Amino acid sequence: MRIVRALCFFVTLLLLLTPLAWAQHSLSVPDRVERAIKEKEPSWNLVSVMVRKTKEENYSYFRLKYEEQEVGIHMNEYEVPTQISPNSLLTAAPRERTLLKDIGDEAYLLSSSPYGRASRFDVVFRKGKVRISIEAGSAEVAKRIATYLADALPPRNNGMHPTPHTKPLMNHE
């Protein structure tokens, strides 16, 4: 009788926990970004979130604030990774850029805002079918948040999110 009870308990527990594990795995990309921010940077407040999903685009914007610092996160999700234009990682305005090695499939730190705002840094990266741009007042904050978000995105080599290119999109000379 104890074996039957233990078996029933185990099966019930398994049935109850399976949907929770599935829900964690099936989070949307904006939900993954929001969760990563809340878990990794709990002192930062999520001031605003905008998600626009239409037939033409799948765009999200997050604005964070901590004391006097603000961070803006722009995110575009594409149907397939090859839709991400090589030039979309860099702005048209001339800016100092540095290749970042361990963030997503390809990442750059862009300094000196093209709009004349002093002390503005952007980290722009792609991972699989997602392109994210992070605007921050310091390079350290931009890189730290970019690392958290890249880690939170779905794996890029699982068949659903393949890496579209075998080498970086831009010439780094």
C-alpha atoms as a PDB file:
ATOM      1  CA  MET A   1       0.000   0.000   0.000  1.00  0.00           C
ATOM      2  CA  ARG A   2       2.869   2.391   0.795  1.00  0.00           C
ATOM      3  CA  ILE A   3       4.383   1.805  -2.612  1.00  0.00           C
ATOM      4  CA  VAL A   4       1.106   2.711  -4.328  1.00  0.00           C
ATOM      5  CA  ARG A   5       0.793   5.889  -2.238  1.00  0.00           C
ATOM      6  CA  ALA A   6       4.378   6.880  -2.941  1.00  0.00           C
ATOM      7  CA  LEU A   7       3.889   6.239  -6.643  1.00  0.00           C
ATOM      8  CA  CYS A   8       0.661   8.287  -6.693  1.00  0.00           C
ATOM      9  CA  PHE A   9       2.381  11.112  -4.820  1.00  0.00           C
ATOM     10  CA  PHE A  10       5.309  11.091  -7.249  1.00  0.00           C
ATOM     11  CA  VAL A  11       3.028  11.116 -10.316  1.00  0.00           C
ATOM     12  CA  THR A  12       0.911  13.931  -8.853  1.00  0.00           C
ATOM     13  CA  LEU A  13       4.006  15.975  -8.053  1.00  0.00           C
ATOM     14  CA  LEU A  14       5.353  15.428 -11.547  1.00  0.00           C
ATOM     15  CA  LEU A  15       2.068  16.506 -13.122  1.00  0.00           C
ATOM     16  CA  LEU A  16       1.943  19.646 -10.993  1.00  0.00           C
ATOM     17  CA  LEU A  17       5.518  20.735 -11.676  1.00  0.00           C
ATOM     18  CA  THR A  18       5.657  20.043 -15.415  1.00  0.00           C
ATOM     19  CA  PRO A  19       3.541  23.096 -16.412  1.00  0.00           C
ATOM     20  CA  LEU A  20       5.737  25.349 -14.277  1.00  0.00           C
ATOM     21  CA  ALA A  21       8.877  24.145 -16.007  1.00  0.00           C
ATOM     22  CA  TRP A  22       7.222  24.502 -19.414  1.00  0.00           C
ATOM     23  CA  ALA A  23       6.056  28.053 -18.631  1.00  0.00           C
ATOM     24  CA  GLN A  24       9.601  29.073 -17.712  1.00  0.00           C
ATOM     25  CA  HIS A  25      10.945  27.672 -20.978  1.00  0.00           C
ATOM     26  CA  SER A  26       8.249  29.252 -23.144  1.00  0.00           C
ATOM     27  CA  LEU A  27       8.564  32.855 -21.948  1.00  0.00           C
ATOM     28  CA  SER A  28       8.402  35.453 -24.701  1.00  0.00           C
ATOM     29  CA  VAL A  29      11.536  37.451 -25.424  1.00  0.00           C
ATOM     30  CA  PRO A  30      10.162  40.664 -23.797  1.00  0.00           C
ATOM     31  CA  ASP A  31       9.195  38.626 -20.707  1.00  0.00           C
ATOM     32  CA  ARG A  32      12.713  37.154 -20.556  1.00  0.00           C
ATOM     33  CA  VAL A  33      14.202  40.658 -20.764  1.00  0.00           C
ATOM     34  CA  GLU A  34      11.924  41.981 -18.030  1.00  0.00           C
ATOM     35  CA  ARG A  35      12.659  38.998 -15.777  1.00  0.00           C
ATOM     36  CA  ALA A  36      16.430  39.354 -16.278  1.00  0.00           C
ATOM     37  CA  ILE A  37      16.289  43.036 -15.334  1.00  0.00           C
ATOM     38  CA  LYS A  38      14.251  42.361 -12.192  1.00  0.00           C
ATOM     39  CA  GLU A  39      16.477  39.462 -11.102  1.00  0.00           C
ATOM     40  CA  LYS A  40      19.902  40.904 -11.936  1.00  0.00           C
ATOM     41  CA  GLU A  41      19.307  44.603 -11.234  1.00  0.00           C
ATOM     42  CA  PRO A  42      16.650  44.710  -8.478  1.00  0.00           C
ATOM     43  CA  SER A  43      17.589  48.265  -7.465  1.00  0.00           C
ATOM     44  CA  TRP A  44      16.704  49.560 -10.944  1.00  0.00           C
ATOM     45  CA  ASN A  45      13.066  50.513 -11.458  1.00  0.00           C
ATOM     46  CA  LEU A  46      11.309  49.538 -14.652  1.00  0.00           C
ATOM     47  CA  VAL A  47       9.775  52.949 -15.436  1.00  0.00           C
ATOM     48  CA  SER A  48       8.094  52.103 -18.722  1.00  0.00           C
ATOM     49  CA  VAL A  49       7.575  49.200 -21.079  1.00  0.00           C
ATOM     50  CA  MET A  50       6.209  49.394 -24.591  1.00  0.00           C
ATOM     51  CA  VAL A  51       5.601  46.304 -26.703  1.00  0.00           C
ATOM     52  CA  ARG A  52       4.439  46.731 -30.282  1.00  0.00           C
ATOM     53  CA  LYS A  53       3.766  43.532 -32.178  1.00  0.00           C
ATOM     54  CA  THR A  54       2.279  43.940 -35.626  1.00  0.00           C
ATOM     55  CA  LYS A  55       2.533  42.119 -38.914  1.00  0.00           C
ATOM     56  CA  GLU A  56       5.379  44.443 -39.919  1.00  0.00           C
ATOM     57  CA  GLU A  57       7.349  44.597 -36.680  1.00  0.00           C
ATOM     58  CA  ASN A  58       7.952  43.052 -33.295  1.00  0.00           C
ATOM     59  CA  TYR A  59       9.441  45.876 -31.199  1.00  0.00           C
ATOM     60  CA  SER A  60       9.838  46.406 -27.456  1.00  0.00           C
ATOM     61  CA  TYR A  61      11.191  49.321 -25.446  1.00  0.00           C
ATOM     62  CA  PHE A  62      12.129  49.283 -21.761  1.00  0.00           C
ATOM     63  CA  ARG A  63      13.183  52.310 -19.716  1.00  0.00           C
ATOM     64  CA  LEU A  64      14.997  51.761 -16.420  1.00  0.00           C
ATOM     65  CA  LYS A  65      15.900  54.249 -13.721  1.00  0.00           C
ATOM     66  CA  TYR A  66      18.164  54.081 -10.680  1.00  0.00           C
ATOM     67  CA  GLU A  67      18.689  57.306  -8.729  1.00  0.00           C
ATOM     68  CA  GLU A  68      19.769  59.782 -11.442  1.00  0.00           C
ATOM     69  CA  GLN A  69      20.791  57.160 -14.014  1.00  0.00           C
ATOM     70  CA  GLU A  70      18.551  56.061 -16.863  1.00  0.00           C
ATOM     71  CA  VAL A  71      18.853  53.212 -19.341  1.00  0.00           C
ATOM     72  CA  GLY A  72      16.855  52.680 -22.520  1.00  0.00           C
ATOM     73  CA  ILE A  73      16.558  49.255 -24.125  1.00  0.00           C
ATOM     74  CA  HIS A  74      15.319  48.939 -27.711  1.00  0.00           C
ATOM     75  CA  MET A  75      14.618  45.420 -28.936  1.00  0.00           C
ATOM     76  CA  ASN A  76      13.578  44.059 -32.322  1.00  0.00           C
ATOM     77  CA  GLU A  77      12.672  40.416 -32.803  1.00  0.00           C
ATOM     78  CA  TYR A  78      12.696  38.996 -36.326  1.00  0.00           C
ATOM     79  CA  GLU A  79      11.182  35.887 -37.885  1.00  0.00           C
ATOM     80  CA  VAL A  80      14.596  34.573 -38.890  1.00  0.00           C
ATOM     81  CA  PRO A  81      18.102  35.738 -37.933  1.00  0.00           C
ATOM     82  CA  THR A  82      19.077  36.579 -41.508  1.00  0.00           C
ATOM     83  CA  GLN A  83      16.545  39.453 -41.486  1.00  0.00           C
ATOM     84  CA  ILE A  84      18.904  41.395 -39.215  1.00  0.00           C
ATOM     85  CA  SER A  85      20.733  43.762 -41.516  1.00  0.00           C
ATOM     86  CA  PRO A  86      24.516  43.922 -41.025  1.00  0.00           C
ATOM     87  CA  ASN A  87      24.255  47.722 -40.896  1.00  0.00           C
ATOM     88  CA  SER A  88      21.533  47.683 -38.236  1.00  0.00           C
ATOM     89  CA  LEU A  89      24.144  47.095 -35.534  1.00  0.00           C
ATOM     90  CA  LEU A  90      25.833  50.396 -36.247  1.00  0.00           C
ATOM     91  CA  THR A  91      24.391  53.870 -36.645  1.00  0.00           C
ATOM     92  CA  ALA A  92      24.862  55.951 -39.766  1.00  0.00           C
ATOM     93  CA  ALA A  93      26.583  58.685 -37.749  1.00  0.00           C
ATOM     94  CA  PRO A  94      30.330  58.245 -37.233  1.00  0.00           C
ATOM     95  CA  ARG A  95      30.958  56.926 -33.736  1.00  0.00           C
ATOM     96  CA  GLU A  96      33.800  55.256 -31.949  1.00  0.00           C
ATOM     97  CA  ARG A  97      33.045  51.518 -31.814  1.00  0.00           C
ATOM     98  CA  THR A  98      34.574  48.590 -29.975  1.00  0.00           C
ATOM     99  CA  LEU A  99      33.833  44.944 -30.674  1.00  0.00           C
ATOM    100  CA  LEU A 100      32.629  43.121 -27.536  1.00  0.00           C
ATOM    101  CA  LYS A 101      33.521  39.434 -27.517  1.00  0.00           C
ATOM    102  CA  ASP A 102      31.253  37.670 -25.019  1.00  0.00           C
ATOM    103  CA  ILE A 103      27.836  39.223 -25.630  1.00  0.00           C
ATOM    104  CA  GLY A 104      25.467  37.427 -28.001  1.00  0.00           C
ATOM    105  CA  ASP A 105      26.508  36.523 -31.544  1.00  0.00           C
ATOM    106  CA  GLU A 106      28.007  39.943 -32.230  1.00  0.00           C
ATOM    107  CA  ALA A 107      28.147  43.083 -30.102  1.00  0.00           C
ATOM    108  CA  TYR A 108      29.595  46.587 -30.192  1.00  0.00           C
ATOM    109  CA  LEU A 109      30.108  49.366 -27.692  1.00  0.00           C
ATOM    110  CA  LEU A 110      29.384  52.675 -29.380  1.00  0.00           C
ATOM    111  CA  SER A 111      30.506  55.815 -27.568  1.00  0.00           C
ATOM    112  CA  SER A 112      29.754  59.492 -28.079  1.00  0.00           C
ATOM    113  CA  SER A 113      26.112  59.872 -28.943  1.00  0.00           C
ATOM    114  CA  PRO A 114      25.413  60.950 -32.527  1.00  0.00           C
ATOM    115  CA  TYR A 115      22.781  63.327 -31.137  1.00  0.00           C
ATOM    116  CA  GLY A 116      25.204  65.454 -29.154  1.00  0.00           C
ATOM    117  CA  ARG A 117      24.326  64.046 -25.737  1.00  0.00           C
ATOM    118  CA  ALA A 118      27.442  63.939 -23.623  1.00  0.00           C
ATOM    119  CA  SER A 119      28.467  60.757 -21.817  1.00  0.00           C
ATOM    120  CA  ARG A 120      26.134  58.437 -23.684  1.00  0.00           C
ATOM    121  CA  PHE A 121      27.101  54.867 -24.529  1.00  0.00           C
ATOM    122  CA  ASP A 122      25.254  52.249 -26.502  1.00  0.00           C
ATOM    123  CA  VAL A 123      25.786  48.515 -26.612  1.00  0.00           C
ATOM    124  CA  VAL A 124      24.213  47.060 -29.721  1.00  0.00           C
ATOM    125  CA  PHE A 125      24.109  43.297 -30.125  1.00  0.00           C
ATOM    126  CA  ARG A 126      22.335  40.465 -31.858  1.00  0.00           C
ATOM    127  CA  LYS A 127      21.660  36.971 -30.661  1.00  0.00           C
ATOM    128  CA  GLY A 128      19.810  34.620 -32.940  1.00  0.00           C
ATOM    129  CA  LYS A 129      16.784  36.459 -34.250  1.00  0.00           C
ATOM    130  CA  VAL A 130      16.893  39.332 -31.724  1.00  0.00           C
ATOM    131  CA  ARG A 131      18.635  42.715 -32.036  1.00  0.00           C
ATOM    132  CA  ILE A 132      18.991  44.835 -28.889  1.00  0.00           C
ATOM    133  CA  SER A 133      20.339  48.341 -28.365  1.00  0.00           C
ATOM    134  CA  ILE A 134      21.039  49.562 -24.831  1.00  0.00           C
ATOM    135  CA  GLU A 135      21.586  53.277 -24.149  1.00  0.00           C
ATOM    136  CA  ALA A 136      23.240  54.177 -20.849  1.00  0.00           C
ATOM    137  CA  GLY A 137      25.233  56.919 -19.186  1.00  0.00           C
ATOM    138  CA  SER A 138      28.250  54.655 -18.683  1.00  0.00           C
ATOM    139  CA  ALA A 139      29.883  51.935 -20.729  1.00  0.00           C
ATOM    140  CA  GLU A 140      30.036  49.671 -17.660  1.00  0.00           C
ATOM    141  CA  VAL A 141      26.264  49.827 -17.082  1.00  0.00           C
ATOM    142  CA  ALA A 142      25.485  49.292 -20.785  1.00  0.00           C
ATOM    143  CA  LYS A 143      27.786  46.255 -21.007  1.00  0.00           C
ATOM    144  CA  ARG A 144      26.540  44.754 -17.738  1.00  0.00           C
ATOM    145  CA  ILE A 145      22.890  44.962 -18.770  1.00  0.00           C
ATOM    146  CA  ALA A 146      23.697  43.683 -22.268  1.00  0.00           C
ATOM    147  CA  THR A 147      25.368  40.632 -20.726  1.00  0.00           C
ATOM    148  CA  TYR A 148      22.315  39.909 -18.552  1.00  0.00           C
ATOM    149  CA  LEU A 149      19.943  40.239 -21.508  1.00  0.00           C
ATOM    150  CA  ALA A 150      22.068  38.132 -23.868  1.00  0.00           C
ATOM    151  CA  ASP A 151      22.184  35.392 -21.237  1.00  0.00           C
ATOM    152  CA  ALA A 152      18.383  35.575 -20.811  1.00  0.00           C
ATOM    153  CA  LEU A 153      17.608  35.166 -24.522  1.00  0.00           C
ATOM    154  CA  PRO A 154      16.853  31.726 -25.957  1.00  0.00           C
ATOM    155  CA  PRO A 155      19.879  29.647 -26.978  1.00  0.00           C
ATOM    156  CA  ARG A 156      21.050  30.540 -30.462  1.00  0.00           C
ATOM    157  CA  ASN A 157      22.066  27.112 -31.755  1.00  0.00           C
ATOM    158  CA  ASN A 158      19.041  24.977 -30.953  1.00  0.00           C
ATOM    159  CA  GLY A 159      17.473  24.895 -34.407  1.00  0.00           C
ATOM    160  CA  MET A 160      14.955  27.621 -33.575  1.00  0.00           C
ATOM    161  CA  HIS A 161      17.451  30.451 -33.158  1.00  0.00           C
ATOM    162  CA  PRO A 162      20.446  29.648 -35.366  1.00  0.00           C
ATOM    163  CA  THR A 163      23.366  31.977 -35.692  1.00  0.00           C
ATOM    164  CA  PRO A 164      22.934  33.471 -39.172  1.00  0.00           C
ATOM    165  CA  HIS A 165      26.573  34.257 -39.886  1.00  0.00           C
ATOM    166  CA  THR A 166      29.804  32.381 -39.295  1.00  0.00           C
ATOM    167  CA  LYS A 167      31.841  35.555 -38.933  1.00  0.00           C
ATOM    168  CA  PRO A 168      31.039  39.050 -37.629  1.00  0.00           C
ATOM    169  CA  LEU A 169      28.866  41.159 -39.896  1.00  0.00           C
ATOM    170  CA  MET A 170      31.090  44.233 -39.831  1.00  0.00           C
ATOM    171  CA  ASN A 171      34.731  44.870 -40.713  1.00  0.00           C
ATOM    172  CA  HIS A 172      36.517  45.711 -37.439  1.00  0.00           C
ATOM    173  CA  GLU A 173      39.494  47.568 -38.806  1.00  0.00           C
END
